[in-house]
C-alpha atoms as a PDB file:
ATOM      1  CA  MET A   1     125.064  26.152 126.279  1.00  0.00           C
ATOM      2  CA  HIS A   2     127.016  25.686 122.821  1.00  0.00           C
ATOM      3  CA  ARG A   3     129.349  22.669 122.525  1.00  0.00           C
ATOM      4  CA  LYS A   4     132.003  22.577 119.663  1.00  0.00           C
ATOM      5  CA  VAL A   5     132.249  19.071 117.990  1.00  0.00           C
ATOM      6  CA  SER A   6     135.962  18.221 116.979  1.00  0.00           C
ATOM      7  CA  GLY A   7     136.417  17.536 113.405  1.00  0.00           C
ATOM      8  CA  CYS A   8     133.667  18.977 111.908  1.00  0.00           C
ATOM      9  CA  PHE A   9     132.936  21.998 109.550  1.00  0.00           C
ATOM     10  CA  ARG A  10     130.454  24.471 109.507  1.00  0.00           C
ATOM     11  CA  SER A  11     130.273  24.817 105.794  1.00  0.00           C
ATOM     12  CA  LYS A  12     131.035  22.698 102.611  1.00  0.00           C
ATOM     13  CA  ALA A  13     133.393  25.446 101.759  1.00  0.00           C
ATOM     14  CA  GLY A  14     135.523  25.256 104.924  1.00  0.00           C
ATOM     15  CA  ALA A  15     135.723  21.577 104.553  1.00  0.00           C
ATOM     16  CA  GLU A  16     137.001  21.975 101.028  1.00  0.00           C
ATOM     17  CA  ARG A  17     139.627  24.546 102.015  1.00  0.00           C
ATOM     18  CA  SER A  18     140.811  22.286 104.886  1.00  0.00           C
ATOM     19  CA  ALA A  19     141.174  19.370 102.261  1.00  0.00           C
ATOM     20  CA  HIS A  20     143.118  21.327  99.953  1.00  0.00           C
ATOM     21  CA  LEU A  21     145.509  22.610 102.680  1.00  0.00           C
ATOM     22  CA  ARG A  22     146.033  18.917 103.894  1.00  0.00           C
ATOM     23  CA  SER A  23     146.538  17.726 100.367  1.00  0.00           C
ATOM     24  CA  TYR A  24     149.181  20.597  99.702  1.00  0.00           C
ATOM     25  CA  LEU A  25     150.882  19.667 103.176  1.00  0.00           C
ATOM     26  CA  ASP A  26     150.965  16.046 102.366  1.00  0.00           C
ATOM     27  CA  THR A  27     152.355  16.593  98.887  1.00  0.00           C
ATOM     28  CA  THR A  28     155.272  18.703 100.382  1.00  0.00           C
ATOM     29  CA  ARG A  29     155.940  16.064 102.820  1.00  0.00           C
ATOM     30  CA  LYS A  30     156.412  13.318 100.504  1.00  0.00           C
ATOM     31  CA  ASN A  31     158.757  15.656  98.624  1.00  0.00           C
ATOM     32  CA  ASP A  32     160.978  16.268 101.926  1.00  0.00           C
ATOM     33  CA  ILE A  33     159.737  19.856 102.245  1.00  0.00           C
ATOM     34  CA  SER A  34     158.732  20.616 105.739  1.00  0.00           C
ATOM     35  CA  ALA A  35     155.371  21.925 106.736  1.00  0.00           C
ATOM     36  CA  MET A  36     156.803  25.082 108.179  1.00  0.00           C
ATOM     37  CA  ASP A  37     158.896  25.743 104.950  1.00  0.00           C
ATOM     38  CA  ALA A  38     155.846  24.900 102.585  1.00  0.00           C
ATOM     39  CA  LEU A  39     153.443  27.364 104.529  1.00  0.00           C
ATOM     40  CA  MET A  40     156.098  30.230 104.943  1.00  0.00           C
ATOM     41  CA  ARG A  41     156.500  29.965 100.861  1.00  0.00           C
ATOM     42  CA  LEU A  42     152.744  29.744 100.530  1.00  0.00           C
ATOM     43  CA  PHE A  43     151.811  32.776 102.497  1.00  0.00           C
ATOM     44  CA  SER A  44     154.556  34.888 101.089  1.00  0.00           C
ATOM     45  CA  GLY A  45     153.118  34.294  97.616  1.00  0.00           C
ATOM     46  CA  ASP A  46     155.706  31.761  96.341  1.00  0.00           C
ATOM     47  CA  PRO A  47     154.114  28.485  96.762  1.00  0.00           C
ATOM     48  CA  TRP A  48     155.938  25.316  96.450  1.00  0.00           C
ATOM     49  CA  MET A  49     154.865  23.216  93.242  1.00  0.00           C
ATOM     50  CA  PRO A  50     156.002  19.591  92.325  1.00  0.00           C
ATOM     51  CA  PRO A  51     158.416  19.130  89.640  1.00  0.00           C
ATOM     52  CA  GLN A  52     156.812  18.682  86.195  1.00  0.00           C
ATOM     53  CA  PRO A  53     157.271  15.341  84.686  1.00  0.00           C
ATOM     54  CA  THR A  54     159.661  15.390  81.466  1.00  0.00           C
END
């Protein structure tokens, strides 16, 4: 019987993808952009980007 272990990744690439997505969502949250809005923009091809420092 196979048992799934929560919080584990099958590959390094999967862990990296998860970390990138988590970082993106954390950054949008810190800039008052909801996760749903950020994901909708991301998957529509117009990802939110933080303002460039001047």
